[in-house]
Amino acid sequence: MPQYIPSPHDWVREQVELYESSGGTKGTTLRDTGLPVVLVTHIGNRTGAIRKTPLMRVKDGNNYVLVGSQGGAPKDPVWVHNLRADPQIELRDETAVRSMRVREVEDEAERNRLWELAIAAYPPYAEYQERTTRRIPIFLAEPRD
């Protein structure tokens, strides 16, 4: 079983700990925004360790849209590289935990539709895209059957 390595960022590590220790009843919103987040458990592409990342909750039916915005930073967040290397994740949405598989969305029509859902859930995404020259990656997490 791979080892869990907590985030080096205090706020991420603390949110993950609160989310998990409460069984998904606390720590379910992004810091001061009150907007819902999900917890994505994935495998580090270089370490092989378990990593846990809170991301904005963007739903598309039974699926989840994962947006690699990193606040409009010039580089993709590390978790994006991890999902590209290993698309198997566990996603916690409050008290529900599901095994899912992600795929990076490349089809323009699908991407545009999901991007609109993402902006509706978290309007700053539009500003983040304006802030960076990279194309913010979008993944779709679908239940594993």
N, C-alpha and C. Protein backbone atom coordinates (compact mmCIF):
# COMPACT_ATOMS: atom_id res chain seq x y z
N MET A 1 0.85 -1.19 0.00
CA MET A 1 0.00 0.00 0.00
C MET A 1 0.89 1.25 0.00
N PRO A 2 0.65 2.17 -0.92
CA PRO A 2 1.46 3.39 -0.96
C PRO A 2 1.29 4.23 0.31
N GLN A 3 2.30 5.00 0.61
CA GLN A 3 2.30 5.89 1.77
C GLN A 3 1.55 7.16 1.41
N TYR A 4 0.86 7.75 2.40
CA TYR A 4 0.20 9.04 2.21
C TYR A 4 1.19 10.15 2.56
N ILE A 5 1.35 11.10 1.65
CA ILE A 5 2.18 12.28 1.91
C ILE A 5 1.26 13.49 1.89
N PRO A 6 1.06 14.14 3.05
CA PRO A 6 0.20 15.33 3.10
C PRO A 6 0.79 16.47 2.27
N SER A 7 -0.07 17.39 1.89
CA SER A 7 0.34 18.56 1.12
C SER A 7 1.34 19.40 1.91
N PRO A 8 2.30 20.02 1.22
CA PRO A 8 3.22 20.94 1.91
C PRO A 8 2.54 22.27 2.27
N HIS A 9 1.35 22.52 1.72
CA HIS A 9 0.63 23.76 2.00
C HIS A 9 -0.26 23.55 3.23
N ASP A 10 -0.05 24.37 4.26
CA ASP A 10 -0.78 24.21 5.51
C ASP A 10 -2.29 24.17 5.32
N TRP A 11 -2.84 25.12 4.56
CA TRP A 11 -4.31 25.18 4.44
C TRP A 11 -4.86 23.94 3.76
N VAL A 12 -4.14 23.39 2.78
CA VAL A 12 -4.60 22.18 2.10
C VAL A 12 -4.56 21.00 3.07
N ARG A 13 -3.43 20.85 3.75
CA ARG A 13 -3.27 19.75 4.70
C ARG A 13 -4.35 19.80 5.79
N GLU A 14 -4.60 21.01 6.32
CA GLU A 14 -5.59 21.16 7.38
C GLU A 14 -7.01 20.88 6.87
N GLN A 15 -7.31 21.32 5.64
CA GLN A 15 -8.64 21.06 5.10
C GLN A 15 -8.85 19.57 4.87
N VAL A 16 -7.86 18.89 4.32
CA VAL A 16 -7.95 17.45 4.09
C VAL A 16 -8.17 16.73 5.42
N GLU A 17 -7.40 17.10 6.43
CA GLU A 17 -7.53 16.45 7.75
C GLU A 17 -8.93 16.65 8.33
N LEU A 18 -9.45 17.88 8.25
CA LEU A 18 -10.78 18.17 8.78
C LEU A 18 -11.86 17.42 7.99
N TYR A 19 -11.75 17.44 6.68
CA TYR A 19 -12.73 16.77 5.80
C TYR A 19 -12.79 15.28 6.15
N GLU A 20 -11.62 14.65 6.22
CA GLU A 20 -11.58 13.20 6.46
C GLU A 20 -11.92 12.84 7.91
N SER A 21 -11.38 13.59 8.87
CA SER A 21 -11.61 13.23 10.27
C SER A 21 -13.07 13.40 10.67
N SER A 22 -13.79 14.25 9.96
CA SER A 22 -15.22 14.47 10.27
C SER A 22 -16.12 13.53 9.46
N GLY A 23 -15.51 12.68 8.62
CA GLY A 23 -16.32 11.80 7.78
C GLY A 23 -17.04 12.55 6.67
N GLY A 24 -16.54 13.74 6.34
CA GLY A 24 -17.15 14.52 5.26
C GLY A 24 -18.25 15.46 5.72
N THR A 25 -18.30 15.75 7.01
CA THR A 25 -19.32 16.68 7.51
C THR A 25 -18.75 18.07 7.79
N LYS A 26 -17.42 18.20 7.81
CA LYS A 26 -16.76 19.49 8.03
C LYS A 26 -15.64 19.66 7.00
N GLY A 27 -15.26 20.91 6.76
CA GLY A 27 -14.18 21.17 5.82
C GLY A 27 -14.61 20.99 4.38
N THR A 28 -15.90 21.07 4.12
CA THR A 28 -16.44 20.78 2.80
C THR A 28 -16.61 22.01 1.92
N THR A 29 -16.15 23.17 2.41
CA THR A 29 -16.21 24.37 1.59
C THR A 29 -14.82 25.01 1.51
N LEU A 30 -14.61 25.77 0.46
CA LEU A 30 -13.32 26.41 0.22
C LEU A 30 -13.14 27.58 1.16
N ARG A 31 -12.21 27.47 2.04
CA ARG A 31 -11.82 28.52 2.98
C ARG A 31 -12.95 29.51 3.29
N ASP A 32 -12.80 30.77 2.85
CA ASP A 32 -13.78 31.80 3.23
C ASP A 32 -14.94 31.94 2.25
N THR A 33 -14.98 31.16 1.19
CA THR A 33 -15.97 31.38 0.15
C THR A 33 -17.32 30.73 0.45
N GLY A 34 -17.32 29.66 1.24
CA GLY A 34 -18.55 28.92 1.47
C GLY A 34 -18.93 28.03 0.30
N LEU A 35 -18.10 28.01 -0.75
CA LEU A 35 -18.40 27.20 -1.93
C LEU A 35 -17.92 25.76 -1.70
N PRO A 36 -18.70 24.77 -2.17
CA PRO A 36 -18.39 23.37 -1.88
C PRO A 36 -17.16 22.85 -2.62
N VAL A 37 -16.42 22.00 -1.92
CA VAL A 37 -15.28 21.32 -2.51
C VAL A 37 -15.43 19.82 -2.33
N VAL A 38 -14.75 19.09 -3.20
CA VAL A 38 -14.63 17.64 -3.08
C VAL A 38 -13.17 17.34 -2.76
N LEU A 39 -12.92 16.15 -2.29
CA LEU A 39 -11.56 15.74 -1.96
C LEU A 39 -11.16 14.64 -2.94
N VAL A 40 -10.09 14.88 -3.69
CA VAL A 40 -9.62 13.93 -4.70
C VAL A 40 -8.36 13.24 -4.18
N THR A 41 -8.41 11.92 -4.09
CA THR A 41 -7.25 11.12 -3.68
C THR A 41 -6.66 10.50 -4.94
N HIS A 42 -5.37 10.72 -5.13
CA HIS A 42 -4.69 10.28 -6.35
C HIS A 42 -3.28 9.84 -6.00
N ILE A 43 -2.58 9.30 -6.98
CA ILE A 43 -1.21 8.79 -6.76
C ILE A 43 -0.21 9.76 -7.39
N GLY A 44 0.81 10.12 -6.61
CA GLY A 44 1.85 11.01 -7.11
C GLY A 44 2.62 10.36 -8.25
N ASN A 45 2.79 11.08 -9.35
CA ASN A 45 3.44 10.47 -10.53
C ASN A 45 4.93 10.27 -10.34
N ARG A 46 5.56 11.00 -9.43
CA ARG A 46 7.00 10.80 -9.19
C ARG A 46 7.26 9.98 -7.93
N THR A 47 6.44 10.19 -6.90
CA THR A 47 6.67 9.52 -5.62
C THR A 47 5.97 8.17 -5.51
N GLY A 48 4.87 8.01 -6.25
CA GLY A 48 4.05 6.81 -6.09
C GLY A 48 3.25 6.83 -4.80
N ALA A 49 3.28 7.98 -4.10
CA ALA A 49 2.59 8.12 -2.82
C ALA A 49 1.15 8.59 -3.03
N ILE A 50 0.34 8.36 -2.02
CA ILE A 50 -1.04 8.84 -2.04
C ILE A 50 -1.03 10.34 -1.77
N ARG A 51 -1.75 11.08 -2.59
CA ARG A 51 -1.89 12.54 -2.44
C ARG A 51 -3.38 12.85 -2.35
N LYS A 52 -3.73 13.92 -1.64
CA LYS A 52 -5.13 14.31 -1.47
C LYS A 52 -5.25 15.80 -1.73
N THR A 53 -6.21 16.15 -2.62
CA THR A 53 -6.34 17.52 -3.06
C THR A 53 -7.80 17.96 -2.99
N PRO A 54 -8.10 19.05 -2.26
CA PRO A 54 -9.45 19.60 -2.31
C PRO A 54 -9.62 20.42 -3.59
N LEU A 55 -10.70 20.17 -4.31
CA LEU A 55 -11.01 20.90 -5.54
C LEU A 55 -12.46 21.36 -5.51
N MET A 56 -12.75 22.42 -6.25
CA MET A 56 -14.12 22.92 -6.31
C MET A 56 -15.06 21.82 -6.79
N ARG A 57 -16.25 21.77 -6.18
CA ARG A 57 -17.24 20.78 -6.62
C ARG A 57 -17.97 21.34 -7.84
N VAL A 58 -17.72 20.69 -8.98
CA VAL A 58 -18.41 21.03 -10.22
C VAL A 58 -19.01 19.72 -10.73
N LYS A 59 -20.34 19.63 -10.70
CA LYS A 59 -21.00 18.38 -11.09
C LYS A 59 -21.52 18.46 -12.51
N ASP A 60 -21.50 17.30 -13.16
CA ASP A 60 -22.10 17.12 -14.47
C ASP A 60 -22.83 15.79 -14.41
N GLY A 61 -24.06 15.82 -13.94
CA GLY A 61 -24.81 14.58 -13.71
C GLY A 61 -24.15 13.80 -12.59
N ASN A 62 -23.78 12.53 -12.86
CA ASN A 62 -23.07 11.70 -11.88
C ASN A 62 -21.56 11.90 -11.93
N ASN A 63 -21.10 12.74 -12.84
CA ASN A 63 -19.68 12.99 -13.03
C ASN A 63 -19.26 14.29 -12.34
N TYR A 64 -17.95 14.46 -12.24
CA TYR A 64 -17.38 15.66 -11.64
C TYR A 64 -16.37 16.26 -12.62
N VAL A 65 -16.38 17.59 -12.69
CA VAL A 65 -15.45 18.33 -13.53
C VAL A 65 -14.33 18.83 -12.64
N LEU A 66 -13.09 18.46 -12.96
CA LEU A 66 -11.93 18.87 -12.18
C LEU A 66 -11.14 19.87 -13.01
N VAL A 67 -10.93 21.06 -12.45
CA VAL A 67 -10.34 22.18 -13.18
C VAL A 67 -8.95 22.48 -12.63
N GLY A 68 -7.94 22.39 -13.49
CA GLY A 68 -6.54 22.61 -13.09
C GLY A 68 -6.15 24.08 -13.18
N SER A 69 -6.82 24.93 -12.44
CA SER A 69 -6.62 26.38 -12.58
C SER A 69 -5.40 26.91 -11.84
N GLN A 70 -5.19 26.46 -10.62
CA GLN A 70 -4.13 26.95 -9.75
C GLN A 70 -4.11 28.48 -9.73
N GLY A 71 -5.32 29.05 -9.69
CA GLY A 71 -5.45 30.51 -9.58
C GLY A 71 -4.90 31.28 -10.77
N GLY A 72 -4.75 30.61 -11.90
CA GLY A 72 -4.21 31.28 -13.07
C GLY A 72 -2.69 31.34 -13.09
N ALA A 73 -2.06 30.50 -12.28
CA ALA A 73 -0.58 30.43 -12.26
C ALA A 73 -0.06 29.98 -13.63
N PRO A 74 1.22 30.27 -13.93
CA PRO A 74 1.76 29.91 -15.24
C PRO A 74 1.90 28.40 -15.48
N LYS A 75 1.95 27.60 -14.42
CA LYS A 75 2.11 26.15 -14.57
C LYS A 75 0.90 25.42 -14.04
N ASP A 76 0.66 24.22 -14.60
CA ASP A 76 -0.41 23.37 -14.11
C ASP A 76 -0.11 22.94 -12.68
N PRO A 77 -1.17 22.75 -11.86
CA PRO A 77 -0.93 22.21 -10.53
C PRO A 77 -0.37 20.78 -10.63
N VAL A 78 0.36 20.36 -9.61
CA VAL A 78 0.99 19.04 -9.62
C VAL A 78 -0.04 17.94 -9.81
N TRP A 79 -1.22 18.09 -9.23
CA TRP A 79 -2.21 17.02 -9.33
C TRP A 79 -2.60 16.74 -10.78
N VAL A 80 -2.51 17.73 -11.66
CA VAL A 80 -2.82 17.51 -13.08
C VAL A 80 -1.87 16.46 -13.67
N HIS A 81 -0.58 16.58 -13.37
CA HIS A 81 0.41 15.61 -13.86
C HIS A 81 0.13 14.22 -13.29
N ASN A 82 -0.30 14.20 -12.02
CA ASN A 82 -0.62 12.92 -11.39
C ASN A 82 -1.79 12.23 -12.09
N LEU A 83 -2.83 12.98 -12.42
CA LEU A 83 -4.00 12.39 -13.08
C LEU A 83 -3.67 11.96 -14.50
N ARG A 84 -2.79 12.68 -15.17
CA ARG A 84 -2.39 12.28 -16.51
C ARG A 84 -1.62 10.95 -16.46
N ALA A 85 -0.86 10.74 -15.40
CA ALA A 85 -0.06 9.52 -15.26
C ALA A 85 -0.89 8.34 -14.76
N ASP A 86 -1.87 8.61 -13.90
CA ASP A 86 -2.69 7.54 -13.32
C ASP A 86 -4.11 8.08 -13.15
N PRO A 87 -5.03 7.71 -14.03
CA PRO A 87 -6.38 8.29 -14.01
C PRO A 87 -7.32 7.69 -12.96
N GLN A 88 -6.85 6.75 -12.15
CA GLN A 88 -7.70 6.15 -11.13
C GLN A 88 -7.67 7.04 -9.89
N ILE A 89 -8.85 7.48 -9.43
CA ILE A 89 -8.92 8.34 -8.24
C ILE A 89 -10.02 7.83 -7.32
N GLU A 90 -9.99 8.37 -6.12
CA GLU A 90 -11.12 8.23 -5.20
C GLU A 90 -11.60 9.66 -4.97
N LEU A 91 -12.90 9.88 -5.05
CA LEU A 91 -13.45 11.21 -4.88
C LEU A 91 -14.42 11.20 -3.72
N ARG A 92 -14.20 12.09 -2.75
CA ARG A 92 -15.10 12.23 -1.61
C ARG A 92 -15.88 13.52 -1.80
N ASP A 93 -17.21 13.38 -1.82
CA ASP A 93 -18.12 14.52 -1.88
C ASP A 93 -18.93 14.47 -0.60
N GLU A 94 -18.51 15.25 0.37
CA GLU A 94 -19.07 15.22 1.72
C GLU A 94 -18.94 13.80 2.26
N THR A 95 -20.04 13.11 2.52
CA THR A 95 -19.94 11.78 3.15
C THR A 95 -19.85 10.65 2.12
N ALA A 96 -20.06 10.94 0.85
CA ALA A 96 -20.02 9.91 -0.20
C ALA A 96 -18.61 9.78 -0.77
N VAL A 97 -18.11 8.55 -0.81
CA VAL A 97 -16.77 8.28 -1.36
C VAL A 97 -16.95 7.32 -2.53
N ARG A 98 -16.37 7.69 -3.69
CA ARG A 98 -16.55 6.87 -4.89
C ARG A 98 -15.22 6.66 -5.60
N SER A 99 -15.06 5.47 -6.15
CA SER A 99 -13.93 5.19 -7.04
C SER A 99 -14.30 5.72 -8.42
N MET A 100 -13.39 6.49 -8.99
CA MET A 100 -13.68 7.10 -10.28
C MET A 100 -12.45 7.02 -11.19
N ARG A 101 -12.71 7.25 -12.45
CA ARG A 101 -11.64 7.30 -13.45
C ARG A 101 -11.77 8.65 -14.13
N VAL A 102 -10.63 9.33 -14.31
CA VAL A 102 -10.67 10.64 -14.96
C VAL A 102 -10.13 10.54 -16.39
N ARG A 103 -10.58 11.48 -17.19
CA ARG A 103 -10.01 11.64 -18.52
C ARG A 103 -9.92 13.13 -18.78
N GLU A 104 -8.83 13.52 -19.41
CA GLU A 104 -8.67 14.92 -19.76
C GLU A 104 -9.56 15.22 -20.96
N VAL A 105 -10.30 16.30 -20.88
CA VAL A 105 -11.27 16.63 -21.92
C VAL A 105 -10.57 17.44 -23.01
N GLU A 106 -10.53 16.86 -24.20
CA GLU A 106 -9.88 17.48 -25.35
C GLU A 106 -10.89 17.96 -26.38
N ASP A 107 -12.04 17.26 -26.51
CA ASP A 107 -13.06 17.64 -27.47
C ASP A 107 -13.56 19.05 -27.17
N GLU A 108 -13.49 19.94 -28.17
CA GLU A 108 -13.82 21.35 -27.95
C GLU A 108 -15.25 21.58 -27.47
N ALA A 109 -16.20 20.93 -28.10
CA ALA A 109 -17.60 21.13 -27.71
C ALA A 109 -17.83 20.68 -26.27
N GLU A 110 -17.31 19.50 -25.93
CA GLU A 110 -17.46 18.99 -24.56
C GLU A 110 -16.73 19.90 -23.57
N ARG A 111 -15.53 20.31 -23.94
CA ARG A 111 -14.74 21.17 -23.07
C ARG A 111 -15.46 22.49 -22.81
N ASN A 112 -16.00 23.10 -23.85
CA ASN A 112 -16.71 24.37 -23.69
C ASN A 112 -17.93 24.23 -22.79
N ARG A 113 -18.66 23.13 -22.94
CA ARG A 113 -19.83 22.89 -22.10
C ARG A 113 -19.42 22.73 -20.63
N LEU A 114 -18.36 21.96 -20.40
CA LEU A 114 -17.90 21.74 -19.03
C LEU A 114 -17.28 23.00 -18.44
N TRP A 115 -16.62 23.79 -19.27
CA TRP A 115 -16.03 25.05 -18.79
C TRP A 115 -17.13 25.99 -18.31
N GLU A 116 -18.25 26.02 -19.02
CA GLU A 116 -19.39 26.86 -18.59
C GLU A 116 -19.94 26.37 -17.25
N LEU A 117 -20.02 25.06 -17.06
CA LEU A 117 -20.45 24.52 -15.76
C LEU A 117 -19.48 24.93 -14.66
N ALA A 118 -18.19 24.88 -14.97
CA ALA A 118 -17.16 25.23 -13.98
C ALA A 118 -17.28 26.70 -13.59
N ILE A 119 -17.45 27.58 -14.56
CA ILE A 119 -17.58 29.01 -14.27
C ILE A 119 -18.85 29.30 -13.48
N ALA A 120 -19.93 28.58 -13.79
CA ALA A 120 -21.17 28.76 -13.04
C ALA A 120 -20.97 28.36 -11.57
N ALA A 121 -20.19 27.31 -11.33
CA ALA A 121 -19.94 26.84 -9.96
C ALA A 121 -18.94 27.74 -9.24
N TYR A 122 -17.97 28.27 -9.98
CA TYR A 122 -16.90 29.08 -9.37
C TYR A 122 -16.48 30.16 -10.37
N PRO A 123 -17.16 31.30 -10.39
CA PRO A 123 -16.90 32.35 -11.38
C PRO A 123 -15.44 32.80 -11.53
N PRO A 124 -14.60 32.78 -10.48
CA PRO A 124 -13.20 33.20 -10.67
C PRO A 124 -12.42 32.40 -11.72
N TYR A 125 -12.91 31.21 -12.11
CA TYR A 125 -12.20 30.45 -13.14
C TYR A 125 -12.00 31.27 -14.41
N ALA A 126 -13.00 32.08 -14.78
CA ALA A 126 -12.88 32.90 -16.01
C ALA A 126 -11.71 33.87 -15.88
N GLU A 127 -11.57 34.49 -14.73
CA GLU A 127 -10.46 35.42 -14.48
C GLU A 127 -9.13 34.67 -14.47
N TYR A 128 -9.11 33.49 -13.90
CA TYR A 128 -7.87 32.70 -13.85
C TYR A 128 -7.37 32.39 -15.26
N GLN A 129 -8.31 32.07 -16.18
CA GLN A 129 -7.89 31.77 -17.54
C GLN A 129 -7.32 33.01 -18.22
N GLU A 130 -7.88 34.18 -17.92
CA GLU A 130 -7.38 35.43 -18.49
C GLU A 130 -5.98 35.76 -17.97
N ARG A 131 -5.67 35.31 -16.75
CA ARG A 131 -4.42 35.61 -16.09
C ARG A 131 -3.23 34.82 -16.64
N THR A 132 -3.50 33.73 -17.35
CA THR A 132 -2.41 32.85 -17.77
C THR A 132 -2.47 32.60 -19.28
N THR A 133 -1.30 32.29 -19.84
CA THR A 133 -1.25 31.96 -21.27
C THR A 133 -1.51 30.47 -21.49
N ARG A 134 -1.37 29.65 -20.44
CA ARG A 134 -1.64 28.22 -20.62
C ARG A 134 -3.14 27.98 -20.68
N ARG A 135 -3.50 26.91 -21.35
CA ARG A 135 -4.90 26.51 -21.38
C ARG A 135 -5.17 25.69 -20.13
N ILE A 136 -6.07 26.16 -19.30
CA ILE A 136 -6.37 25.46 -18.05
C ILE A 136 -6.97 24.09 -18.38
N PRO A 137 -6.32 23.02 -17.87
CA PRO A 137 -6.84 21.68 -18.17
C PRO A 137 -8.13 21.36 -17.42
N ILE A 138 -8.96 20.59 -18.09
CA ILE A 138 -10.22 20.13 -17.51
C ILE A 138 -10.24 18.60 -17.61
N PHE A 139 -10.60 17.98 -16.48
CA PHE A 139 -10.75 16.52 -16.43
C PHE A 139 -12.19 16.22 -16.07
N LEU A 140 -12.68 15.10 -16.58
CA LEU A 140 -13.99 14.62 -16.20
C LEU A 140 -13.78 13.32 -15.41
N ALA A 141 -14.29 13.32 -14.18
CA ALA A 141 -14.22 12.12 -13.34
C ALA A 141 -15.54 11.38 -13.48
N GLU A 142 -15.44 10.11 -13.90
CA GLU A 142 -16.61 9.29 -14.14
C GLU A 142 -16.55 8.06 -13.23
N PRO A 143 -17.73 7.61 -12.73
CA PRO A 143 -17.74 6.44 -11.84
C PRO A 143 -17.12 5.22 -12.51
N ARG A 144 -16.35 4.47 -11.73
CA ARG A 144 -15.83 3.18 -12.21
C ARG A 144 -16.86 2.13 -11.92
N ASP A 145 -17.23 1.38 -12.92
CA ASP A 145 -18.24 0.33 -12.71
C ASP A 145 -17.60 -1.02 -12.51
